[in-house]
C-alpha atoms as a PDB file:
ATOM      1  CA  UNK A   1      27.162 -30.265  -1.498  1.00  0.00           C
ATOM      2  CA  UNK A   2      23.707 -29.480  -2.462  1.00  0.00           C
ATOM      3  CA  UNK A   3      21.082 -28.703   0.298  1.00  0.00           C
ATOM      4  CA  UNK A   4      17.537 -30.084  -0.507  1.00  0.00           C
ATOM      5  CA  UNK A   5      15.343 -26.947  -0.340  1.00  0.00           C
ATOM      6  CA  UNK A   6      11.452 -26.732  -0.463  1.00  0.00           C
ATOM      7  CA  UNK A   7       9.484 -23.714  -1.347  1.00  0.00           C
ATOM      8  CA  UNK A   8       5.855 -23.380  -0.245  1.00  0.00           C
ATOM      9  CA  UNK A   9       4.416 -20.351  -2.069  1.00  0.00           C
ATOM     10  CA  UNK A  10       1.029 -19.796  -3.928  1.00  0.00           C
ATOM     11  CA  UNK A  11       1.986 -16.571  -5.745  1.00  0.00           C
ATOM     12  CA  UNK A  12       3.802 -17.193  -8.977  1.00  0.00           C
ATOM     13  CA  UNK A  13       5.674 -13.770  -9.242  1.00  0.00           C
ATOM     14  CA  UNK A  14       6.914 -14.418  -5.554  1.00  0.00           C
ATOM     15  CA  UNK A  15       7.916 -17.963  -6.435  1.00  0.00           C
ATOM     16  CA  UNK A  16       9.821 -16.834  -9.635  1.00  0.00           C
ATOM     17  CA  UNK A  17      11.712 -14.156  -7.724  1.00  0.00           C
ATOM     18  CA  UNK A  18      12.766 -16.371  -4.834  1.00  0.00           C
ATOM     19  CA  UNK A  19      13.710 -19.230  -7.180  1.00  0.00           C
ATOM     20  CA  UNK A  20      15.705 -16.891  -9.370  1.00  0.00           C
ATOM     21  CA  UNK A  21      17.635 -15.287  -6.574  1.00  0.00           C
ATOM     22  CA  UNK A  22      18.459 -18.798  -5.243  1.00  0.00           C
ATOM     23  CA  UNK A  23      19.717 -20.057  -8.537  1.00  0.00           C
ATOM     24  CA  UNK A  24      21.805 -16.846  -9.118  1.00  0.00           C
ATOM     25  CA  UNK A  25      23.290 -16.415  -5.655  1.00  0.00           C
ATOM     26  CA  UNK A  26      22.852 -19.548  -3.738  1.00  0.00           C
ATOM     27  CA  UNK A  27      23.096 -22.389  -6.213  1.00  0.00           C
ATOM     28  CA  UNK A  28      23.807 -24.855  -3.481  1.00  0.00           C
ATOM     29  CA  UNK A  29      20.272 -24.683  -2.395  1.00  0.00           C
ATOM     30  CA  UNK A  30      18.728 -27.176  -4.646  1.00  0.00           C
ATOM     31  CA  UNK A  31      14.914 -26.557  -4.990  1.00  0.00           C
ATOM     32  CA  UNK A  32      13.428 -29.995  -5.041  1.00  0.00           C
ATOM     33  CA  UNK A  33       9.572 -29.077  -5.100  1.00  0.00           C
ATOM     34  CA  UNK A  34       7.346 -26.000  -4.907  1.00  0.00           C
ATOM     35  CA  UNK A  35       4.060 -26.518  -3.359  1.00  0.00           C
ATOM     36  CA  UNK A  36       1.065 -23.984  -3.087  1.00  0.00           C
ATOM     37  CA  UNK A  37      -1.510 -25.301  -0.886  1.00  0.00           C
ATOM     38  CA  UNK A  38      -1.650 -26.866   2.730  1.00  0.00           C
ATOM     39  CA  UNK A  39      -3.091 -30.116   1.470  1.00  0.00           C
ATOM     40  CA  UNK A  40      -0.494 -30.515  -1.120  1.00  0.00           C
ATOM     41  CA  UNK A  41       2.265 -29.770   1.387  1.00  0.00           C
ATOM     42  CA  UNK A  42       1.051 -32.290   3.946  1.00  0.00           C
ATOM     43  CA  UNK A  43       0.834 -35.066   1.094  1.00  0.00           C
ATOM     44  CA  UNK A  44       4.331 -34.190  -0.046  1.00  0.00           C
ATOM     45  CA  UNK A  45       5.757 -34.534   3.411  1.00  0.00           C
ATOM     46  CA  UNK A  46       4.080 -37.935   3.696  1.00  0.00           C
ATOM     47  CA  UNK A  47       5.630 -39.135   0.520  1.00  0.00           C
ATOM     48  CA  UNK A  48       9.251 -37.657   0.329  1.00  0.00           C
ATOM     49  CA  UNK A  49      12.266 -37.332   2.427  1.00  0.00           C
ATOM     50  CA  UNK A  50      12.365 -34.311   4.545  1.00  0.00           C
ATOM     51  CA  UNK A  51      14.210 -31.323   3.052  1.00  0.00           C
ATOM     52  CA  UNK A  52      17.094 -29.537   4.749  1.00  0.00           C
ATOM     53  CA  UNK A  53      15.517 -26.237   4.434  1.00  0.00           C
ATOM     54  CA  UNK A  54      12.029 -24.665   3.883  1.00  0.00           C
ATOM     55  CA  UNK A  55      11.149 -21.424   2.376  1.00  0.00           C
ATOM     56  CA  UNK A  56       7.371 -20.921   3.439  1.00  0.00           C
ATOM     57  CA  UNK A  57       4.813 -18.344   2.559  1.00  0.00           C
ATOM     58  CA  UNK A  58       2.412 -17.793   5.441  1.00  0.00           C
ATOM     59  CA  UNK A  59      -0.965 -16.969   3.701  1.00  0.00           C
ATOM     60  CA  UNK A  60      -1.805 -19.765   1.238  1.00  0.00           C
ATOM     61  CA  UNK A  61      -4.833 -19.966  -0.910  1.00  0.00           C
ATOM     62  CA  UNK A  62      -6.336 -22.572   1.404  1.00  0.00           C
ATOM     63  CA  UNK A  63      -5.457 -21.052   4.847  1.00  0.00           C
ATOM     64  CA  UNK A  64      -2.429 -20.391   7.039  1.00  0.00           C
ATOM     65  CA  UNK A  65       0.827 -22.380   6.328  1.00  0.00           C
ATOM     66  CA  UNK A  66       1.221 -22.805  10.091  1.00  0.00           C
ATOM     67  CA  UNK A  67      -1.446 -25.641   9.722  1.00  0.00           C
ATOM     68  CA  UNK A  68       1.050 -27.594   7.801  1.00  0.00           C
ATOM     69  CA  UNK A  69       3.694 -27.577  10.548  1.00  0.00           C
ATOM     70  CA  UNK A  70       0.987 -28.457  13.150  1.00  0.00           C
ATOM     71  CA  UNK A  71       0.464 -31.597  11.125  1.00  0.00           C
ATOM     72  CA  UNK A  72       3.819 -32.802   9.968  1.00  0.00           C
ATOM     73  CA  UNK A  73       6.390 -31.270  12.286  1.00  0.00           C
ATOM     74  CA  UNK A  74       9.281 -30.900   9.825  1.00  0.00           C
ATOM     75  CA  UNK A  75      12.837 -31.360  11.457  1.00  0.00           C
ATOM     76  CA  UNK A  76      14.449 -28.558   9.429  1.00  0.00           C
ATOM     77  CA  UNK A  77      14.859 -24.922   9.725  1.00  0.00           C
ATOM     78  CA  UNK A  78      12.044 -22.826   8.173  1.00  0.00           C
ATOM     79  CA  UNK A  79      12.294 -19.413   6.722  1.00  0.00           C
ATOM     80  CA  UNK A  80       9.066 -17.677   6.478  1.00  0.00           C
ATOM     81  CA  UNK A  81       8.046 -15.221   3.812  1.00  0.00           C
ATOM     82  CA  UNK A  82       5.321 -12.571   4.130  1.00  0.00           C
ATOM     83  CA  UNK A  83       4.265  -9.458   2.383  1.00  0.00           C
ATOM     84  CA  UNK A  84       3.231  -7.785   5.692  1.00  0.00           C
ATOM     85  CA  UNK A  85       5.925  -7.033   8.266  1.00  0.00           C
ATOM     86  CA  UNK A  86       3.288  -6.899  11.191  1.00  0.00           C
ATOM     87  CA  UNK A  87       3.139 -10.873  10.934  1.00  0.00           C
ATOM     88  CA  UNK A  88       6.873 -11.416  11.752  1.00  0.00           C
ATOM     89  CA  UNK A  89       8.436  -9.935  14.817  1.00  0.00           C
ATOM     90  CA  UNK A  90      11.442 -11.108  17.016  1.00  0.00           C
ATOM     91  CA  UNK A  91      10.001 -14.710  17.436  1.00  0.00           C
ATOM     92  CA  UNK A  92      11.584 -16.033  14.291  1.00  0.00           C
ATOM     93  CA  UNK A  93      15.091 -14.772  15.376  1.00  0.00           C
ATOM     94  CA  UNK A  94      14.966 -15.944  18.844  1.00  0.00           C
ATOM     95  CA  UNK A  95      13.890 -19.441  17.630  1.00  0.00           C
ATOM     96  CA  UNK A  96      16.683 -19.564  14.950  1.00  0.00           C
ATOM     97  CA  UNK A  97      14.206 -19.276  12.218  1.00  0.00           C
ATOM     98  CA  UNK A  98      14.172 -15.973   9.977  1.00  0.00           C
ATOM     99  CA  UNK A  99      11.707 -14.181   7.797  1.00  0.00           C
ATOM    100  CA  UNK A 100      11.887 -12.465   4.549  1.00  0.00           C
ATOM    101  CA  UNK A 101       9.584  -9.461   3.564  1.00  0.00           C
ATOM    102  CA  UNK A 102       8.187  -9.508   0.072  1.00  0.00           C
ATOM    103  CA  UNK A 103       9.315  -8.481  -2.383  1.00  0.00           C
ATOM    104  CA  UNK A 104      12.430 -10.359  -1.320  1.00  0.00           C
ATOM    105  CA  UNK A 105      15.778  -8.441  -1.613  1.00  0.00           C
ATOM    106  CA  UNK A 106      19.036  -9.977  -2.453  1.00  0.00           C
ATOM    107  CA  UNK A 107      20.685  -8.731   0.587  1.00  0.00           C
ATOM    108  CA  UNK A 108      17.835 -10.038   2.999  1.00  0.00           C
ATOM    109  CA  UNK A 109      17.963 -13.308   1.355  1.00  0.00           C
ATOM    110  CA  UNK A 110      21.802 -13.540   1.891  1.00  0.00           C
ATOM    111  CA  UNK A 111      21.391 -12.775   5.420  1.00  0.00           C
ATOM    112  CA  UNK A 112      18.717 -15.626   5.919  1.00  0.00           C
ATOM    113  CA  UNK A 113      20.801 -18.083   4.074  1.00  0.00           C
ATOM    114  CA  UNK A 114      23.937 -17.360   6.047  1.00  0.00           C
ATOM    115  CA  UNK A 115      21.781 -17.666   9.270  1.00  0.00           C
ATOM    116  CA  UNK A 116      20.736 -20.962   7.926  1.00  0.00           C
ATOM    117  CA  UNK A 117      24.219 -22.228   7.435  1.00  0.00           C
ATOM    118  CA  UNK A 118      25.475 -20.985  10.711  1.00  0.00           C
ATOM    119  CA  UNK A 119      22.601 -22.631  12.536  1.00  0.00           C
ATOM    120  CA  UNK A 120      23.016 -26.018  10.763  1.00  0.00           C
ATOM    121  CA  UNK A 121      26.674 -25.964  11.721  1.00  0.00           C
ATOM    122  CA  UNK A 122      26.398 -24.984  15.298  1.00  0.00           C
ATOM    123  CA  UNK A 123      23.091 -26.648  16.135  1.00  0.00           C
ATOM    124  CA  UNK A 124      21.727 -29.144  13.788  1.00  0.00           C
ATOM    125  CA  UNK A 125      18.939 -30.102  16.125  1.00  0.00           C
ATOM    126  CA  UNK A 126      15.223 -29.261  15.046  1.00  0.00           C
ATOM    127  CA  UNK A 127      13.772 -25.767  15.961  1.00  0.00           C
ATOM    128  CA  UNK A 128      11.074 -25.825  18.589  1.00  0.00           C
ATOM    129  CA  UNK A 129       8.004 -25.549  15.920  1.00  0.00           C
ATOM    130  CA  UNK A 130       5.441 -25.764  18.817  1.00  0.00           C
ATOM    131  CA  UNK A 131       6.964 -22.762  20.667  1.00  0.00           C
ATOM    132  CA  UNK A 132       7.410 -20.842  17.367  1.00  0.00           C
ATOM    133  CA  UNK A 133       3.650 -21.386  16.388  1.00  0.00           C
ATOM    134  CA  UNK A 134       2.446 -20.300  19.831  1.00  0.00           C
ATOM    135  CA  UNK A 135       4.550 -17.018  19.685  1.00  0.00           C
ATOM    136  CA  UNK A 136       3.425 -16.473  16.146  1.00  0.00           C
ATOM    137  CA  UNK A 137      -0.242 -17.082  16.831  1.00  0.00           C
ATOM    138  CA  UNK A 138      -0.143 -14.673  19.855  1.00  0.00           C
ATOM    139  CA  UNK A 139       1.253 -11.825  17.541  1.00  0.00           C
ATOM    140  CA  UNK A 140      -0.502 -12.428  14.157  1.00  0.00           C
ATOM    141  CA  UNK A 141      -2.969  -9.796  13.383  1.00  0.00           C
ATOM    142  CA  UNK A 142      -6.540 -11.186  13.042  1.00  0.00           C
ATOM    143  CA  UNK A 143      -8.203  -9.859  10.062  1.00  0.00           C
ATOM    144  CA  UNK A 144     -11.834  -8.669  10.481  1.00  0.00           C
ATOM    145  CA  UNK A 145     -14.318 -11.143   8.705  1.00  0.00           C
ATOM    146  CA  UNK A 146     -17.601  -9.278   9.245  1.00  0.00           C
ATOM    147  CA  UNK A 147     -19.123  -5.946   9.945  1.00  0.00           C
ATOM    148  CA  UNK A 148     -22.300  -5.218  12.126  1.00  0.00           C
ATOM    149  CA  UNK A 149     -24.621  -2.709  10.285  1.00  0.00           C
ATOM    150  CA  UNK A 150     -27.247  -0.868  11.914  1.00  0.00           C
ATOM    151  CA  UNK A 151     -30.649  -0.815   9.935  1.00  0.00           C
ATOM    152  CA  UNK A 152     -33.065   1.185  12.268  1.00  0.00           C
ATOM    153  CA  UNK A 153     -33.713  -0.964  15.056  1.00  0.00           C
ATOM    154  CA  UNK A 154     -32.091  -4.035  13.465  1.00  0.00           C
ATOM    155  CA  UNK A 155     -28.552  -5.180  13.335  1.00  0.00           C
ATOM    156  CA  UNK A 156     -27.239  -7.030  10.126  1.00  0.00           C
ATOM    157  CA  UNK A 157     -23.737  -8.663   9.822  1.00  0.00           C
ATOM    158  CA  UNK A 158     -22.184  -8.274   6.603  1.00  0.00           C
ATOM    159  CA  UNK A 159     -19.330 -10.572   5.704  1.00  0.00           C
ATOM    160  CA  UNK A 160     -16.087  -8.837   4.657  1.00  0.00           C
ATOM    161  CA  UNK A 161     -15.860 -11.271   1.524  1.00  0.00           C
ATOM    162  CA  UNK A 162     -19.141  -9.581   0.455  1.00  0.00           C
ATOM    163  CA  UNK A 163     -17.768  -6.097   0.492  1.00  0.00           C
ATOM    164  CA  UNK A 164     -16.664  -4.364  -2.816  1.00  0.00           C
ATOM    165  CA  UNK A 165     -15.173  -1.211  -1.465  1.00  0.00           C
ATOM    166  CA  UNK A 166     -15.353   1.354   1.364  1.00  0.00           C
ATOM    167  CA  UNK A 167     -15.878   5.092   0.751  1.00  0.00           C
ATOM    168  CA  UNK A 168     -15.496   8.209   3.064  1.00  0.00           C
ATOM    169  CA  UNK A 169     -16.973  11.389   1.894  1.00  0.00           C
ATOM    170  CA  UNK A 170     -18.717  14.413   3.511  1.00  0.00           C
ATOM    171  CA  UNK A 171     -17.928  13.172   7.089  1.00  0.00           C
ATOM    172  CA  UNK A 172     -19.500   9.745   6.605  1.00  0.00           C
ATOM    173  CA  UNK A 173     -18.115   6.202   5.922  1.00  0.00           C
ATOM    174  CA  UNK A 174     -19.976   3.647   3.919  1.00  0.00           C
ATOM    175  CA  UNK A 175     -19.514   0.150   2.808  1.00  0.00           C
ATOM    176  CA  UNK A 176     -20.746  -1.035  -0.499  1.00  0.00           C
ATOM    177  CA  UNK A 177     -21.386  -4.751  -1.105  1.00  0.00           C
ATOM    178  CA  UNK A 178     -20.819  -6.595  -4.256  1.00  0.00           C
ATOM    179  CA  UNK A 179     -24.574  -6.419  -4.941  1.00  0.00           C
ATOM    180  CA  UNK A 180     -24.555  -2.652  -4.712  1.00  0.00           C
ATOM    181  CA  UNK A 181     -26.014  -2.362  -1.286  1.00  0.00           C
ATOM    182  CA  UNK A 182     -24.752   0.692   0.632  1.00  0.00           C
ATOM    183  CA  UNK A 183     -24.534   0.757   4.460  1.00  0.00           C
ATOM    184  CA  UNK A 184     -23.199   3.419   6.742  1.00  0.00           C
ATOM    185  CA  UNK A 185     -20.426   2.635   9.245  1.00  0.00           C
ATOM    186  CA  UNK A 186     -19.421   4.614  12.509  1.00  0.00           C
ATOM    187  CA  UNK A 187     -15.567   4.044  11.800  1.00  0.00           C
ATOM    188  CA  UNK A 188     -13.071   6.000   9.936  1.00  0.00           C
ATOM    189  CA  UNK A 189     -11.343   4.638   6.956  1.00  0.00           C
ATOM    190  CA  UNK A 190      -7.944   4.593   8.742  1.00  0.00           C
ATOM    191  CA  UNK A 191      -9.309   2.204  11.459  1.00  0.00           C
ATOM    192  CA  UNK A 192     -11.125  -0.012   8.966  1.00  0.00           C
ATOM    193  CA  UNK A 193      -7.835  -0.285   6.777  1.00  0.00           C
ATOM    194  CA  UNK A 194      -6.024  -1.651   9.794  1.00  0.00           C
ATOM    195  CA  UNK A 195      -8.589  -4.406  10.216  1.00  0.00           C
ATOM    196  CA  UNK A 196      -8.633  -5.663   6.483  1.00  0.00           C
ATOM    197  CA  UNK A 197      -6.494  -8.243   4.981  1.00  0.00           C
ATOM    198  CA  UNK A 198      -4.054  -6.315   2.958  1.00  0.00           C
ATOM    199  CA  UNK A 199      -3.902  -9.208   0.515  1.00  0.00           C
ATOM    200  CA  UNK A 200      -7.567  -8.612  -0.515  1.00  0.00           C
ATOM    201  CA  UNK A 201      -7.954  -4.833   0.118  1.00  0.00           C
ATOM    202  CA  UNK A 202      -5.973  -1.752  -0.970  1.00  0.00           C
ATOM    203  CA  UNK A 203      -6.245   1.917   0.306  1.00  0.00           C
ATOM    204  CA  UNK A 204      -6.576   3.546  -3.201  1.00  0.00           C
ATOM    205  CA  UNK A 205      -6.599   7.055  -1.704  1.00  0.00           C
ATOM    206  CA  UNK A 206      -7.914   9.150   1.296  1.00  0.00           C
ATOM    207  CA  UNK A 207     -11.324   8.296   0.356  1.00  0.00           C
ATOM    208  CA  UNK A 208     -11.566   4.735  -0.840  1.00  0.00           C
ATOM    209  CA  UNK A 209     -10.462   1.213   0.060  1.00  0.00           C
ATOM    210  CA  UNK A 210     -11.283  -1.432  -2.643  1.00  0.00           C
ATOM    211  CA  UNK A 211     -11.348  -5.178  -2.899  1.00  0.00           C
ATOM    212  CA  UNK A 212      -9.099  -6.982  -5.370  1.00  0.00           C
ATOM    213  CA  UNK A 213     -11.887  -8.878  -7.020  1.00  0.00           C
ATOM    214  CA  UNK A 214     -13.948  -5.747  -7.538  1.00  0.00           C
ATOM    215  CA  UNK A 215     -11.367  -3.745  -9.489  1.00  0.00           C
ATOM    216  CA  UNK A 216     -12.779  -3.689 -13.023  1.00  0.00           C
ATOM    217  CA  UNK A 217     -10.216  -1.511 -15.050  1.00  0.00           C
ATOM    218  CA  UNK A 218      -7.152   0.360 -14.314  1.00  0.00           C
ATOM    219  CA  UNK A 219      -6.237   3.392 -16.653  1.00  0.00           C
ATOM    220  CA  UNK A 220      -2.908   5.147 -17.076  1.00  0.00           C
ATOM    221  CA  UNK A 221      -3.666   8.772 -16.281  1.00  0.00           C
ATOM    222  CA  UNK A 222      -1.699  12.025 -16.490  1.00  0.00           C
ATOM    223  CA  UNK A 223       1.545  12.676 -14.281  1.00  0.00           C
ATOM    224  CA  UNK A 224       1.865   8.934 -13.454  1.00  0.00           C
ATOM    225  CA  UNK A 225      -1.594   8.764 -11.794  1.00  0.00           C
ATOM    226  CA  UNK A 226      -3.846   5.827 -12.206  1.00  0.00           C
ATOM    227  CA  UNK A 227      -7.737   5.976 -12.739  1.00  0.00           C
ATOM    228  CA  UNK A 228      -9.457   2.834 -11.242  1.00  0.00           C
ATOM    229  CA  UNK A 229     -13.042   1.629 -12.234  1.00  0.00           C
ATOM    230  CA  UNK A 230     -14.668  -0.452  -9.498  1.00  0.00           C
ATOM    231  CA  UNK A 231     -17.662  -2.917  -9.526  1.00  0.00           C
ATOM    232  CA  UNK A 232     -20.302  -1.629  -8.621  1.00  0.00           C
ATOM    233  CA  UNK A 233     -19.546   1.786 -10.026  1.00  0.00           C
ATOM    234  CA  UNK A 234     -18.488   4.571  -7.664  1.00  0.00           C
ATOM    235  CA  UNK A 235     -20.266   7.924  -7.492  1.00  0.00           C
ATOM    236  CA  UNK A 236     -17.021   9.793  -8.039  1.00  0.00           C
ATOM    237  CA  UNK A 237     -13.685   9.407  -9.883  1.00  0.00           C
ATOM    238  CA  UNK A 238     -11.344   7.106  -8.135  1.00  0.00           C
ATOM    239  CA  UNK A 239      -7.660   8.123  -8.567  1.00  0.00           C
ATOM    240  CA  UNK A 240      -4.411   6.579  -7.248  1.00  0.00           C
ATOM    241  CA  UNK A 241      -1.761   9.047  -6.864  1.00  0.00           C
ATOM    242  CA  UNK A 242       1.715   8.743  -8.534  1.00  0.00           C
ATOM    243  CA  UNK A 243       3.358   8.018  -5.190  1.00  0.00           C
ATOM    244  CA  UNK A 244       1.069   5.006  -4.693  1.00  0.00           C
ATOM    245  CA  UNK A 245       0.916   3.869  -8.186  1.00  0.00           C
ATOM    246  CA  UNK A 246       3.930   1.470  -7.927  1.00  0.00           C
ATOM    247  CA  UNK A 247       2.694  -0.070  -4.857  1.00  0.00           C
ATOM    248  CA  UNK A 248      -0.668  -0.580  -6.250  1.00  0.00           C
ATOM    249  CA  UNK A 249       0.503  -2.248  -9.331  1.00  0.00           C
ATOM    250  CA  UNK A 250       2.692  -4.536  -7.307  1.00  0.00           C
ATOM    251  CA  UNK A 251      -0.326  -5.341  -5.052  1.00  0.00           C
ATOM    252  CA  UNK A 252      -2.481  -6.216  -8.389  1.00  0.00           C
ATOM    253  CA  UNK A 253       0.470  -8.386  -9.461  1.00  0.00           C
ATOM    254  CA  UNK A 254       0.439 -10.530  -6.520  1.00  0.00           C
ATOM    255  CA  UNK A 255       2.883  -8.754  -4.305  1.00  0.00           C
ATOM    256  CA  UNK A 256       5.839  -9.153  -6.715  1.00  0.00           C
END
């Protein structure tokens, strides 16, 4: 008997991987639709019968998928997917809802599907979505959306979306805006990195954190390293080590 399954995911590589694993190992889970926005999902629920299972990304292009479930309150289990393990703690497990960390592995998917089957046999009642959302909101990291810069006696807020990259050298930390303006910060890169959305910023090396939209060109280099050209240009050569090269390429490819 097929199980009507909905996927909410805005990253094509992540969708293809999940859909492929389901088709190969769990063909009873019939994917009826793939949705990639909050608005599209809300409209779909209004026009279609509820699915039996939902695989849901958390960060969509138009916001958090939690907003969907605040509006439509689905009556089926939800297995959340995320690229960041800090998002999902034990709240899902204690509420009968699991999570998958991207890139999704076959064994983790099998565990989640088995949990779904066990839950639907033992307790087909709807999960407590409101309780889940409260727990997740309390534990979800809030990414910094601005930095306050000192300019003499003035204070200037700089939106994170306007920042091209951060650099640390000679004991100082700077942020560089997309327009090429440079501003000193009194925070180390390690602290800044923890405050940024990892979907948009990547720690290239010990000296530099860059925004995805400001990576101009990536060159293959010696010994498996990568050379990165940024916009605006950096004052020094920016290299990604061989050890970080795979993670960096996966990040550029949408968390594949």
